[in-house]
Amino acid sequence: MSESKQLFERRKRRVRYKIAKVSTEKLRLSVYRSKCHMYAQIIDDKARQTLATASTLDKELKGTLKATSNIAAAAEVGKLVAQRAVKAGVKQVVFDRGGYLYHGRVKALADAARNAGLSF
């Protein structure tokens, strides 16, 4: 197994362990950051159901964003997922940064979600 694959597997195992400890009672705001896009979703782990999603690929955001891989785009995704979550009746979540450092696009998404009505 290549070194990068081993690092990915270690990060994945570490993140899953922490999430399993924290998110047993609360809903989870999960973030995925790729090179070109940002994805966020509200997950109910007990019911194994996704309640709200948003990404830079959404029809609502696709035409308005200049670029899909910058901080402004991440903030728009955070705002959109929070609006959809509040509409679904979700106010309190646990933030799952997925092993990514809390800065840049991940932080922008979290701050925008907080400003739009989610608390974590």
C-alpha atoms as a PDB file:
ATOM      1  CA  MET A   1       0.000   0.000   0.000  1.00  0.00           C
ATOM      2  CA  SER A   2       1.381   3.411  -0.919  1.00  0.00           C
ATOM      3  CA  GLU A   3       2.290   5.929   1.759  1.00  0.00           C
ATOM      4  CA  SER A   4      -0.445   8.369   0.760  1.00  0.00           C
ATOM      5  CA  LYS A   5      -3.036   5.585   0.941  1.00  0.00           C
ATOM      6  CA  GLN A   6      -1.780   4.615   4.403  1.00  0.00           C
ATOM      7  CA  LEU A   7      -2.044   8.220   5.604  1.00  0.00           C
ATOM      8  CA  PHE A   8      -5.586   8.459   4.226  1.00  0.00           C
ATOM      9  CA  GLU A   9      -6.605   5.240   5.982  1.00  0.00           C
ATOM     10  CA  ARG A  10      -5.097   6.414   9.290  1.00  0.00           C
ATOM     11  CA  ARG A  11      -6.925   9.736   9.055  1.00  0.00           C
ATOM     12  CA  LYS A  12     -10.175   7.993   8.169  1.00  0.00           C
ATOM     13  CA  ARG A  13      -9.900   5.606  11.130  1.00  0.00           C
ATOM     14  CA  ARG A  14      -9.029   8.440  13.541  1.00  0.00           C
ATOM     15  CA  VAL A  15     -11.931  10.616  12.371  1.00  0.00           C
ATOM     16  CA  ARG A  16     -14.494   7.796  12.481  1.00  0.00           C
ATOM     17  CA  TYR A  17     -13.481   6.968  16.062  1.00  0.00           C
ATOM     18  CA  LYS A  18     -13.967  10.553  17.233  1.00  0.00           C
ATOM     19  CA  ILE A  19     -17.291  10.902  15.416  1.00  0.00           C
ATOM     20  CA  ALA A  20     -18.609   7.676  16.915  1.00  0.00           C
ATOM     21  CA  LYS A  21     -17.905   9.021  20.413  1.00  0.00           C
ATOM     22  CA  VAL A  22     -19.478  12.449  19.878  1.00  0.00           C
ATOM     23  CA  SER A  23     -22.407  12.102  17.525  1.00  0.00           C
ATOM     24  CA  THR A  24     -24.535   9.432  19.144  1.00  0.00           C
ATOM     25  CA  GLU A  25     -27.316  11.801  20.215  1.00  0.00           C
ATOM     26  CA  LYS A  26     -26.900  14.815  17.953  1.00  0.00           C
ATOM     27  CA  LEU A  27     -27.096  15.341  14.236  1.00  0.00           C
ATOM     28  CA  ARG A  28     -23.842  15.816  12.369  1.00  0.00           C
ATOM     29  CA  LEU A  29     -22.755  18.494   9.888  1.00  0.00           C
ATOM     30  CA  SER A  30     -20.276  16.630   7.726  1.00  0.00           C
ATOM     31  CA  VAL A  31     -17.891  18.486   5.415  1.00  0.00           C
ATOM     32  CA  TYR A  32     -16.014  17.116   2.425  1.00  0.00           C
ATOM     33  CA  ARG A  33     -13.454  19.270   0.667  1.00  0.00           C
ATOM     34  CA  SER A  34     -12.099  18.253  -2.703  1.00  0.00           C
ATOM     35  CA  LYS A  35      -9.665  20.112  -4.877  1.00  0.00           C
ATOM     36  CA  CYS A  36     -12.420  21.759  -6.905  1.00  0.00           C
ATOM     37  CA  HIS A  37     -15.594  21.648  -4.780  1.00  0.00           C
ATOM     38  CA  MET A  38     -17.069  21.758  -1.260  1.00  0.00           C
ATOM     39  CA  TYR A  39     -19.809  19.476   0.013  1.00  0.00           C
ATOM     40  CA  ALA A  40     -21.769  19.619   3.284  1.00  0.00           C
ATOM     41  CA  GLN A  41     -24.571  17.503   4.649  1.00  0.00           C
ATOM     42  CA  ILE A  42     -26.603  17.115   7.834  1.00  0.00           C
ATOM     43  CA  ILE A  43     -26.676  13.448   8.847  1.00  0.00           C
ATOM     44  CA  ASP A  44     -28.803  11.621  11.417  1.00  0.00           C
ATOM     45  CA  ASP A  45     -26.601   8.674  12.383  1.00  0.00           C
ATOM     46  CA  LYS A  46     -29.297   6.887  14.378  1.00  0.00           C
ATOM     47  CA  ALA A  47     -31.788   6.830  11.510  1.00  0.00           C
ATOM     48  CA  ARG A  48     -28.980   6.595   8.914  1.00  0.00           C
ATOM     49  CA  GLN A  49     -30.551   9.403   6.962  1.00  0.00           C
ATOM     50  CA  THR A  50     -29.342  12.609   5.328  1.00  0.00           C
ATOM     51  CA  LEU A  51     -31.576  15.545   6.200  1.00  0.00           C
ATOM     52  CA  ALA A  52     -30.009  18.397   4.222  1.00  0.00           C
ATOM     53  CA  THR A  53     -27.230  18.752   1.677  1.00  0.00           C
ATOM     54  CA  ALA A  54     -25.460  21.508  -0.199  1.00  0.00           C
ATOM     55  CA  SER A  55     -22.470  21.720  -2.480  1.00  0.00           C
ATOM     56  CA  THR A  56     -20.854  23.989  -5.012  1.00  0.00           C
ATOM     57  CA  LEU A  57     -22.486  21.816  -7.675  1.00  0.00           C
ATOM     58  CA  ASP A  58     -26.053  22.782  -6.629  1.00  0.00           C
ATOM     59  CA  LYS A  59     -28.153  24.494  -9.268  1.00  0.00           C
ATOM     60  CA  GLU A  60     -28.793  27.435  -6.926  1.00  0.00           C
ATOM     61  CA  LEU A  61     -25.087  28.148  -6.491  1.00  0.00           C
ATOM     62  CA  LYS A  62     -23.617  27.054  -9.797  1.00  0.00           C
ATOM     63  CA  GLY A  63     -24.500  30.192 -11.728  1.00  0.00           C
ATOM     64  CA  THR A  64     -23.670  32.669  -8.975  1.00  0.00           C
ATOM     65  CA  LEU A  65     -20.166  31.490  -8.040  1.00  0.00           C
ATOM     66  CA  LYS A  66     -17.114  32.774  -9.884  1.00  0.00           C
ATOM     67  CA  ALA A  67     -15.011  29.853  -8.643  1.00  0.00           C
ATOM     68  CA  THR A  68     -15.996  26.699  -6.785  1.00  0.00           C
ATOM     69  CA  SER A  69     -12.794  26.130  -4.823  1.00  0.00           C
ATOM     70  CA  ASN A  70     -12.371  29.317  -2.814  1.00  0.00           C
ATOM     71  CA  ILE A  71     -13.438  30.634   0.588  1.00  0.00           C
ATOM     72  CA  ALA A  72     -16.392  32.599  -0.810  1.00  0.00           C
ATOM     73  CA  ALA A  73     -17.832  29.460  -2.407  1.00  0.00           C
ATOM     74  CA  ALA A  74     -17.410  27.528   0.854  1.00  0.00           C
ATOM     75  CA  ALA A  75     -19.236  30.278   2.736  1.00  0.00           C
ATOM     76  CA  GLU A  76     -22.139  30.088   0.289  1.00  0.00           C
ATOM     77  CA  VAL A  77     -22.331  26.307   0.758  1.00  0.00           C
ATOM     78  CA  GLY A  78     -22.382  26.774   4.535  1.00  0.00           C
ATOM     79  CA  LYS A  79     -25.161  29.328   4.305  1.00  0.00           C
ATOM     80  CA  LEU A  80     -27.216  27.118   1.984  1.00  0.00           C
ATOM     81  CA  VAL A  81     -26.875  23.951   4.078  1.00  0.00           C
ATOM     82  CA  ALA A  82     -27.837  25.893   7.209  1.00  0.00           C
ATOM     83  CA  GLN A  83     -30.918  27.347   5.530  1.00  0.00           C
ATOM     84  CA  ARG A  84     -31.987  23.885   4.391  1.00  0.00           C
ATOM     85  CA  ALA A  85     -31.342  22.433   7.850  1.00  0.00           C
ATOM     86  CA  VAL A  86     -33.384  25.122   9.606  1.00  0.00           C
ATOM     87  CA  LYS A  87     -36.162  24.523   7.089  1.00  0.00           C
ATOM     88  CA  ALA A  88     -36.023  20.808   8.026  1.00  0.00           C
ATOM     89  CA  GLY A  89     -36.246  21.694  11.736  1.00  0.00           C
ATOM     90  CA  VAL A  90     -32.595  21.240  12.709  1.00  0.00           C
ATOM     91  CA  LYS A  91     -30.925  23.818  14.952  1.00  0.00           C
ATOM     92  CA  GLN A  92     -28.241  21.928  16.939  1.00  0.00           C
ATOM     93  CA  VAL A  93     -25.526  19.849  15.228  1.00  0.00           C
ATOM     94  CA  VAL A  94     -22.035  18.488  15.803  1.00  0.00           C
ATOM     95  CA  PHE A  95     -19.451  19.779  13.339  1.00  0.00           C
ATOM     96  CA  ASP A  96     -17.583  16.975  11.563  1.00  0.00           C
ATOM     97  CA  ARG A  97     -14.647  18.515   9.726  1.00  0.00           C
ATOM     98  CA  GLY A  98     -13.655  15.097   8.398  1.00  0.00           C
ATOM     99  CA  GLY A  99     -10.045  15.303   9.508  1.00  0.00           C
ATOM    100  CA  TYR A 100      -9.398  18.553   7.670  1.00  0.00           C
ATOM    101  CA  LEU A 101      -7.727  21.370   9.567  1.00  0.00           C
ATOM    102  CA  TYR A 102     -10.098  24.063  10.813  1.00  0.00           C
ATOM    103  CA  HIS A 103      -8.967  26.923   8.603  1.00  0.00           C
ATOM    104  CA  GLY A 104      -9.588  28.290   5.142  1.00  0.00           C
ATOM    105  CA  ARG A 105     -12.557  26.806   3.349  1.00  0.00           C
ATOM    106  CA  VAL A 106     -13.634  24.556   6.228  1.00  0.00           C
ATOM    107  CA  LYS A 107     -13.683  27.469   8.664  1.00  0.00           C
ATOM    108  CA  ALA A 108     -15.541  29.688   6.189  1.00  0.00           C
ATOM    109  CA  LEU A 109     -18.221  27.023   5.754  1.00  0.00           C
ATOM    110  CA  ALA A 110     -18.601  26.615   9.523  1.00  0.00           C
ATOM    111  CA  ASP A 111     -18.811  30.344  10.191  1.00  0.00           C
ATOM    112  CA  ALA A 112     -21.410  30.840   7.461  1.00  0.00           C
ATOM    113  CA  ALA A 113     -23.490  27.951   8.821  1.00  0.00           C
ATOM    114  CA  ARG A 114     -23.386  29.487  12.304  1.00  0.00           C
ATOM    115  CA  ASN A 115     -24.437  32.893  10.979  1.00  0.00           C
ATOM    116  CA  ALA A 116     -27.333  31.327   9.083  1.00  0.00           C
ATOM    117  CA  GLY A 117     -28.861  29.718  12.172  1.00  0.00           C
ATOM    118  CA  LEU A 118     -27.077  26.483  13.101  1.00  0.00           C
ATOM    119  CA  SER A 119     -25.385  26.148  16.465  1.00  0.00           C
ATOM    120  CA  PHE A 120     -22.423  23.873  17.199  1.00  0.00           C
END
